[in-house]
């Protein structure tokens, strides 16, 4: 799967282990590295199994999350153009092959 980033700061955290460790702490940075490897290895979002993959709701509808550690999550959304949709207009995550990392953190805060 192709991974894009909302901004340069998120790209740097995801691509530079030292920055991830300094920003997130060692344990979360290690989980982030593993979840990013999972994303790269997957063909579509539906192929993800590690990190309790789940769709988000309410104000985060249209986004998907993977657990990292201690309430910290990797949140992404589809970046395919156009976004694949089912007949009921919901996102067809089994057809999403490009994602954009939107945030790393606790979205319940």
C-alpha atoms as a PDB file:
ATOM      1  CA  UNK A   1       0.000   0.000   0.000  1.00  0.00           C
ATOM      2  CA  UNK A   2       1.188   3.519  -0.703  1.00  0.00           C
ATOM      3  CA  UNK A   3       1.572   5.805   2.330  1.00  0.00           C
ATOM      4  CA  UNK A   4       1.295   9.590   2.189  1.00  0.00           C
ATOM      5  CA  UNK A   5       1.388  12.144   4.984  1.00  0.00           C
ATOM      6  CA  UNK A   6      -0.796  15.061   6.033  1.00  0.00           C
ATOM      7  CA  UNK A   7       2.276  17.234   6.593  1.00  0.00           C
ATOM      8  CA  UNK A   8       6.066  17.273   6.756  1.00  0.00           C
ATOM      9  CA  UNK A   9       6.123  16.862  10.550  1.00  0.00           C
ATOM     10  CA  UNK A  10       4.229  13.560  10.384  1.00  0.00           C
ATOM     11  CA  UNK A  11       6.446  12.365   7.522  1.00  0.00           C
ATOM     12  CA  UNK A  12       9.542  13.093   9.582  1.00  0.00           C
ATOM     13  CA  UNK A  13       8.189  11.248  12.637  1.00  0.00           C
ATOM     14  CA  UNK A  14       7.272   8.244  10.508  1.00  0.00           C
ATOM     15  CA  UNK A  15      10.445   8.142   8.442  1.00  0.00           C
ATOM     16  CA  UNK A  16      13.098   8.998  11.040  1.00  0.00           C
ATOM     17  CA  UNK A  17      13.339   6.621  13.996  1.00  0.00           C
ATOM     18  CA  UNK A  18      15.300   9.111  16.127  1.00  0.00           C
ATOM     19  CA  UNK A  19      12.602  11.756  15.645  1.00  0.00           C
ATOM     20  CA  UNK A  20       9.860   9.228  16.428  1.00  0.00           C
ATOM     21  CA  UNK A  21      11.634   8.138  19.611  1.00  0.00           C
ATOM     22  CA  UNK A  22      12.217  11.730  20.732  1.00  0.00           C
ATOM     23  CA  UNK A  23       8.595  12.725  19.963  1.00  0.00           C
ATOM     24  CA  UNK A  24       6.676   9.620  21.033  1.00  0.00           C
ATOM     25  CA  UNK A  25       8.988   7.701  23.358  1.00  0.00           C
ATOM     26  CA  UNK A  26      10.803   4.453  22.602  1.00  0.00           C
ATOM     27  CA  UNK A  27       7.904   1.998  23.064  1.00  0.00           C
ATOM     28  CA  UNK A  28       5.420   3.925  20.898  1.00  0.00           C
ATOM     29  CA  UNK A  29       8.104   4.615  18.264  1.00  0.00           C
ATOM     30  CA  UNK A  30       8.806   0.872  17.978  1.00  0.00           C
ATOM     31  CA  UNK A  31       5.089   0.105  17.562  1.00  0.00           C
ATOM     32  CA  UNK A  32       4.795   2.885  14.988  1.00  0.00           C
ATOM     33  CA  UNK A  33       7.624   1.340  12.971  1.00  0.00           C
ATOM     34  CA  UNK A  34       5.845  -2.054  13.080  1.00  0.00           C
ATOM     35  CA  UNK A  35       2.456  -0.622  12.054  1.00  0.00           C
ATOM     36  CA  UNK A  36       4.033   1.324   9.170  1.00  0.00           C
ATOM     37  CA  UNK A  37       5.665  -1.910   7.993  1.00  0.00           C
ATOM     38  CA  UNK A  38       2.239  -3.582   8.182  1.00  0.00           C
ATOM     39  CA  UNK A  39       0.738  -0.793   6.059  1.00  0.00           C
ATOM     40  CA  UNK A  40       3.505  -1.113   3.466  1.00  0.00           C
ATOM     41  CA  UNK A  41       3.089  -4.888   3.286  1.00  0.00           C
ATOM     42  CA  UNK A  42      -0.706  -4.797   2.917  1.00  0.00           C
ATOM     43  CA  UNK A  43      -2.333  -4.550  -0.495  1.00  0.00           C
ATOM     44  CA  UNK A  44      -5.427  -2.824   0.923  1.00  0.00           C
ATOM     45  CA  UNK A  45      -6.642  -1.568   4.298  1.00  0.00           C
ATOM     46  CA  UNK A  46      -8.791  -4.708   4.630  1.00  0.00           C
ATOM     47  CA  UNK A  47      -5.589  -6.803   4.736  1.00  0.00           C
ATOM     48  CA  UNK A  48      -4.481  -5.235   8.036  1.00  0.00           C
ATOM     49  CA  UNK A  49      -4.688  -7.481  11.103  1.00  0.00           C
ATOM     50  CA  UNK A  50      -2.219  -6.150  13.680  1.00  0.00           C
ATOM     51  CA  UNK A  51      -2.916  -3.135  15.882  1.00  0.00           C
ATOM     52  CA  UNK A  52      -6.672  -3.698  16.229  1.00  0.00           C
ATOM     53  CA  UNK A  53      -7.559  -2.022  12.910  1.00  0.00           C
ATOM     54  CA  UNK A  54     -10.855  -0.164  13.160  1.00  0.00           C
ATOM     55  CA  UNK A  55     -12.950   2.436  11.385  1.00  0.00           C
ATOM     56  CA  UNK A  56     -13.607   5.621  13.286  1.00  0.00           C
ATOM     57  CA  UNK A  57     -17.004   7.216  13.808  1.00  0.00           C
ATOM     58  CA  UNK A  58     -18.698  10.542  14.521  1.00  0.00           C
ATOM     59  CA  UNK A  59     -16.374  13.485  13.864  1.00  0.00           C
ATOM     60  CA  UNK A  60     -13.695  11.094  12.578  1.00  0.00           C
ATOM     61  CA  UNK A  61     -15.944   9.183  10.172  1.00  0.00           C
ATOM     62  CA  UNK A  62     -13.992   8.336   7.039  1.00  0.00           C
ATOM     63  CA  UNK A  63     -10.822   7.641   9.006  1.00  0.00           C
ATOM     64  CA  UNK A  64      -9.253   4.393  10.187  1.00  0.00           C
ATOM     65  CA  UNK A  65      -6.968   3.733  13.169  1.00  0.00           C
ATOM     66  CA  UNK A  66      -4.346   1.275  14.334  1.00  0.00           C
ATOM     67  CA  UNK A  67      -3.454   1.010  18.014  1.00  0.00           C
ATOM     68  CA  UNK A  68       0.149   1.717  18.902  1.00  0.00           C
ATOM     69  CA  UNK A  69       0.440   1.685  22.696  1.00  0.00           C
ATOM     70  CA  UNK A  70      -1.305   3.148  25.744  1.00  0.00           C
ATOM     71  CA  UNK A  71      -4.133   4.893  23.891  1.00  0.00           C
ATOM     72  CA  UNK A  72      -1.859   6.261  21.171  1.00  0.00           C
ATOM     73  CA  UNK A  73      -3.126   5.500  17.679  1.00  0.00           C
ATOM     74  CA  UNK A  74      -2.009   5.898  14.105  1.00  0.00           C
ATOM     75  CA  UNK A  75      -4.938   7.523  12.266  1.00  0.00           C
ATOM     76  CA  UNK A  76      -5.184   7.568   8.488  1.00  0.00           C
ATOM     77  CA  UNK A  77      -7.717   8.150   5.746  1.00  0.00           C
ATOM     78  CA  UNK A  78      -8.018   7.008   2.148  1.00  0.00           C
ATOM     79  CA  UNK A  79      -5.975   8.969  -0.394  1.00  0.00           C
ATOM     80  CA  UNK A  80      -7.174   7.195  -3.542  1.00  0.00           C
ATOM     81  CA  UNK A  81      -8.678   9.607  -6.067  1.00  0.00           C
ATOM     82  CA  UNK A  82     -11.538   8.979  -6.225  1.00  0.00           C
ATOM     83  CA  UNK A  83     -12.070   7.345  -2.824  1.00  0.00           C
ATOM     84  CA  UNK A  84     -13.500   3.847  -3.407  1.00  0.00           C
ATOM     85  CA  UNK A  85     -17.104   3.659  -2.227  1.00  0.00           C
ATOM     86  CA  UNK A  86     -19.756   0.994  -1.890  1.00  0.00           C
ATOM     87  CA  UNK A  87     -23.267   1.388  -3.253  1.00  0.00           C
ATOM     88  CA  UNK A  88     -24.384   2.792   0.119  1.00  0.00           C
ATOM     89  CA  UNK A  89     -21.660   5.516  -0.252  1.00  0.00           C
ATOM     90  CA  UNK A  90     -19.529   4.215   2.647  1.00  0.00           C
ATOM     91  CA  UNK A  91     -15.797   3.807   2.058  1.00  0.00           C
ATOM     92  CA  UNK A  92     -14.823   0.449   0.567  1.00  0.00           C
ATOM     93  CA  UNK A  93     -11.744  -0.164   2.707  1.00  0.00           C
ATOM     94  CA  UNK A  94     -11.050  -3.395   0.787  1.00  0.00           C
ATOM     95  CA  UNK A  95     -10.349  -1.231  -2.270  1.00  0.00           C
ATOM     96  CA  UNK A  96      -8.275   1.487  -0.546  1.00  0.00           C
ATOM     97  CA  UNK A  97      -4.668   1.145  -1.733  1.00  0.00           C
ATOM     98  CA  UNK A  98      -3.340   4.614  -0.834  1.00  0.00           C
ATOM     99  CA  UNK A  99      -3.598   6.125   2.643  1.00  0.00           C
ATOM    100  CA  UNK A 100      -2.675   9.459   4.181  1.00  0.00           C
ATOM    101  CA  UNK A 101      -1.395   9.484   7.768  1.00  0.00           C
ATOM    102  CA  UNK A 102      -3.419  12.221   9.486  1.00  0.00           C
ATOM    103  CA  UNK A 103      -2.354  12.045  13.127  1.00  0.00           C
ATOM    104  CA  UNK A 104      -0.504  10.053  15.736  1.00  0.00           C
ATOM    105  CA  UNK A 105      -1.915  10.378  19.212  1.00  0.00           C
ATOM    106  CA  UNK A 106      -4.931   9.825  21.374  1.00  0.00           C
ATOM    107  CA  UNK A 107      -8.095  10.953  19.647  1.00  0.00           C
ATOM    108  CA  UNK A 108     -10.181  10.521  22.810  1.00  0.00           C
ATOM    109  CA  UNK A 109      -8.329  13.339  24.616  1.00  0.00           C
END
